[in-house]
C-alpha atoms as a PDB file:
ATOM      1  CA  UNK A   1      35.221  -9.810   3.951  1.00  0.00           C
ATOM      2  CA  UNK A   2      36.556  -8.843   7.348  1.00  0.00           C
ATOM      3  CA  UNK A   3      39.556  -7.060   5.798  1.00  0.00           C
ATOM      4  CA  UNK A   4      37.317  -5.188   3.420  1.00  0.00           C
ATOM      5  CA  UNK A   5      35.081  -4.006   6.271  1.00  0.00           C
ATOM      6  CA  UNK A   6      38.110  -3.031   8.351  1.00  0.00           C
ATOM      7  CA  UNK A   7      39.590  -1.068   5.455  1.00  0.00           C
ATOM      8  CA  UNK A   8      36.246   0.619   4.862  1.00  0.00           C
ATOM      9  CA  UNK A   9      35.958   1.711   8.500  1.00  0.00           C
ATOM     10  CA  UNK A  10      39.543   3.028   8.534  1.00  0.00           C
ATOM     11  CA  UNK A  11      38.956   5.210   5.489  1.00  0.00           C
ATOM     12  CA  UNK A  12      37.643   8.761   5.840  1.00  0.00           C
ATOM     13  CA  UNK A  13      34.653   8.179   3.534  1.00  0.00           C
ATOM     14  CA  UNK A  14      33.800   4.994   5.443  1.00  0.00           C
ATOM     15  CA  UNK A  15      33.862   6.745   8.815  1.00  0.00           C
ATOM     16  CA  UNK A  16      31.840   9.615   7.376  1.00  0.00           C
ATOM     17  CA  UNK A  17      29.151   7.237   6.126  1.00  0.00           C
ATOM     18  CA  UNK A  18      28.974   5.498   9.508  1.00  0.00           C
ATOM     19  CA  UNK A  19      28.702   8.823  11.374  1.00  0.00           C
ATOM     20  CA  UNK A  20      25.952  10.061   9.034  1.00  0.00           C
ATOM     21  CA  UNK A  21      24.013   6.792   9.404  1.00  0.00           C
ATOM     22  CA  UNK A  22      24.284   6.869  13.200  1.00  0.00           C
ATOM     23  CA  UNK A  23      23.198  10.531  13.278  1.00  0.00           C
ATOM     24  CA  UNK A  24      20.220   9.826  10.996  1.00  0.00           C
ATOM     25  CA  UNK A  25      19.125   6.869  13.135  1.00  0.00           C
ATOM     26  CA  UNK A  26      19.502   8.927  16.322  1.00  0.00           C
ATOM     27  CA  UNK A  27      17.408  11.746  14.800  1.00  0.00           C
ATOM     28  CA  UNK A  28      14.654   9.322  13.750  1.00  0.00           C
ATOM     29  CA  UNK A  29      14.727   7.773  17.220  1.00  0.00           C
ATOM     30  CA  UNK A  30      14.351  11.199  18.813  1.00  0.00           C
ATOM     31  CA  UNK A  31      11.405  12.081  16.536  1.00  0.00           C
ATOM     32  CA  UNK A  32       9.715   8.783  17.384  1.00  0.00           C
ATOM     33  CA  UNK A  33      10.272   9.239  21.126  1.00  0.00           C
ATOM     34  CA  UNK A  34       9.123  12.876  21.141  1.00  0.00           C
ATOM     35  CA  UNK A  35       5.977  12.192  19.099  1.00  0.00           C
ATOM     36  CA  UNK A  36       3.945  10.901  22.034  1.00  0.00           C
ATOM     37  CA  UNK A  37       4.391  14.071  24.061  1.00  0.00           C
ATOM     38  CA  UNK A  38       3.131  16.230  21.176  1.00  0.00           C
ATOM     39  CA  UNK A  39      -0.322  14.610  21.070  1.00  0.00           C
ATOM     40  CA  UNK A  40      -2.914  16.079  23.429  1.00  0.00           C
ATOM     41  CA  UNK A  41      -4.649  13.382  25.539  1.00  0.00           C
ATOM     42  CA  UNK A  42      -8.062  14.423  24.175  1.00  0.00           C
ATOM     43  CA  UNK A  43      -6.811  13.934  20.610  1.00  0.00           C
ATOM     44  CA  UNK A  44      -5.340  10.564  21.588  1.00  0.00           C
ATOM     45  CA  UNK A  45      -8.707   9.416  22.954  1.00  0.00           C
ATOM     46  CA  UNK A  46     -10.452  10.542  19.740  1.00  0.00           C
ATOM     47  CA  UNK A  47      -7.885   8.575  17.720  1.00  0.00           C
ATOM     48  CA  UNK A  48      -8.675   5.411  19.690  1.00  0.00           C
ATOM     49  CA  UNK A  49     -12.281   5.664  18.493  1.00  0.00           C
ATOM     50  CA  UNK A  50     -10.992   5.047  14.967  1.00  0.00           C
ATOM     51  CA  UNK A  51     -12.920   7.867  13.283  1.00  0.00           C
ATOM     52  CA  UNK A  52     -11.366  10.819  11.420  1.00  0.00           C
ATOM     53  CA  UNK A  53     -10.613  13.660  13.834  1.00  0.00           C
ATOM     54  CA  UNK A  54     -10.342  17.427  13.811  1.00  0.00           C
ATOM     55  CA  UNK A  55      -7.034  18.670  15.112  1.00  0.00           C
ATOM     56  CA  UNK A  56      -5.200  21.946  15.620  1.00  0.00           C
ATOM     57  CA  UNK A  57      -1.569  21.757  14.544  1.00  0.00           C
ATOM     58  CA  UNK A  58       0.445  24.188  16.663  1.00  0.00           C
ATOM     59  CA  UNK A  59       3.709  25.435  15.185  1.00  0.00           C
ATOM     60  CA  UNK A  60       6.468  27.457  16.815  1.00  0.00           C
ATOM     61  CA  UNK A  61       6.289  29.997  13.992  1.00  0.00           C
ATOM     62  CA  UNK A  62       3.862  31.511  11.506  1.00  0.00           C
ATOM     63  CA  UNK A  63       3.127  28.886   8.851  1.00  0.00           C
ATOM     64  CA  UNK A  64       4.062  29.528   5.259  1.00  0.00           C
ATOM     65  CA  UNK A  65       2.526  28.125   2.095  1.00  0.00           C
ATOM     66  CA  UNK A  66       4.767  25.035   2.229  1.00  0.00           C
ATOM     67  CA  UNK A  67       3.488  24.043   5.673  1.00  0.00           C
ATOM     68  CA  UNK A  68      -0.144  24.424   4.647  1.00  0.00           C
ATOM     69  CA  UNK A  69       0.357  22.391   1.475  1.00  0.00           C
ATOM     70  CA  UNK A  70       2.268  19.716   3.404  1.00  0.00           C
ATOM     71  CA  UNK A  71      -0.506  19.371   5.974  1.00  0.00           C
ATOM     72  CA  UNK A  72      -3.132  19.024   3.235  1.00  0.00           C
ATOM     73  CA  UNK A  73      -1.737  15.538   2.656  1.00  0.00           C
ATOM     74  CA  UNK A  74      -3.018  14.591   6.125  1.00  0.00           C
ATOM     75  CA  UNK A  75      -6.385  16.358   6.277  1.00  0.00           C
ATOM     76  CA  UNK A  76      -8.453  19.265   4.990  1.00  0.00           C
ATOM     77  CA  UNK A  77      -7.307  22.701   6.106  1.00  0.00           C
ATOM     78  CA  UNK A  78     -10.165  24.495   7.888  1.00  0.00           C
ATOM     79  CA  UNK A  79      -8.210  27.656   8.553  1.00  0.00           C
ATOM     80  CA  UNK A  80      -5.074  29.274   9.877  1.00  0.00           C
ATOM     81  CA  UNK A  81      -4.970  31.323  13.069  1.00  0.00           C
ATOM     82  CA  UNK A  82      -1.567  32.794  13.925  1.00  0.00           C
ATOM     83  CA  UNK A  83       0.762  29.841  14.385  1.00  0.00           C
ATOM     84  CA  UNK A  84      -2.053  27.273  14.340  1.00  0.00           C
ATOM     85  CA  UNK A  85      -3.438  25.345  11.391  1.00  0.00           C
ATOM     86  CA  UNK A  86      -6.837  23.708  11.891  1.00  0.00           C
ATOM     87  CA  UNK A  87      -7.347  20.400  10.081  1.00  0.00           C
ATOM     88  CA  UNK A  88     -10.406  18.210   9.726  1.00  0.00           C
ATOM     89  CA  UNK A  89     -10.893  14.666   8.467  1.00  0.00           C
ATOM     90  CA  UNK A  90      -7.464  13.562   9.706  1.00  0.00           C
ATOM     91  CA  UNK A  91      -7.315   9.768   9.678  1.00  0.00           C
ATOM     92  CA  UNK A  92      -6.255   8.263  13.021  1.00  0.00           C
ATOM     93  CA  UNK A  93      -3.072   6.706  11.591  1.00  0.00           C
ATOM     94  CA  UNK A  94      -1.966  10.138  10.364  1.00  0.00           C
ATOM     95  CA  UNK A  95      -1.952  11.647  13.859  1.00  0.00           C
ATOM     96  CA  UNK A  96       1.190   9.696  14.795  1.00  0.00           C
ATOM     97  CA  UNK A  97       2.801  10.651  11.476  1.00  0.00           C
ATOM     98  CA  UNK A  98       2.072  14.329  12.083  1.00  0.00           C
ATOM     99  CA  UNK A  99       3.516  14.112  15.594  1.00  0.00           C
ATOM    100  CA  UNK A 100       6.833  12.898  14.155  1.00  0.00           C
ATOM    101  CA  UNK A 101       7.237  16.008  11.971  1.00  0.00           C
ATOM    102  CA  UNK A 102       9.997  18.011  13.648  1.00  0.00           C
ATOM    103  CA  UNK A 103       8.516  21.480  13.009  1.00  0.00           C
ATOM    104  CA  UNK A 104       5.176  20.634  14.621  1.00  0.00           C
ATOM    105  CA  UNK A 105       5.077  21.571  18.317  1.00  0.00           C
ATOM    106  CA  UNK A 106       1.726  20.113  19.396  1.00  0.00           C
ATOM    107  CA  UNK A 107      -1.467  18.466  18.164  1.00  0.00           C
ATOM    108  CA  UNK A 108      -4.488  19.753  20.058  1.00  0.00           C
ATOM    109  CA  UNK A 109      -8.244  19.348  19.672  1.00  0.00           C
ATOM    110  CA  UNK A 110      -9.973  22.027  17.620  1.00  0.00           C
ATOM    111  CA  UNK A 111     -11.576  24.597  19.936  1.00  0.00           C
ATOM    112  CA  UNK A 112     -15.375  24.831  19.846  1.00  0.00           C
ATOM    113  CA  UNK A 113     -15.318  28.338  18.343  1.00  0.00           C
ATOM    114  CA  UNK A 114     -13.124  27.067  15.466  1.00  0.00           C
ATOM    115  CA  UNK A 115     -15.464  24.201  14.561  1.00  0.00           C
END
């Protein structure tokens, strides 16, 4: 077994697989670590209440159809304003999932005028 593992790690495909796995794990670790800083404290306090929340998803670009359809899996789209998508009825457990999406910059509370 040890020889087989050693031969695998010495081969180009073996090293490539190891590098890809390490890179994928590092990327997932980064997304997990960065997720907390994307959630506005007011949204975090609403999540602790355990009720569905309204949230503004801020992107670093103008959203396209794909982004809107993707976010519909997490809540109902109330509207789009520039680079912001307003969602309602987002379950608390989905807030952390949204924060781990790499193309989402921030999760903020929905402004009063957008309610």
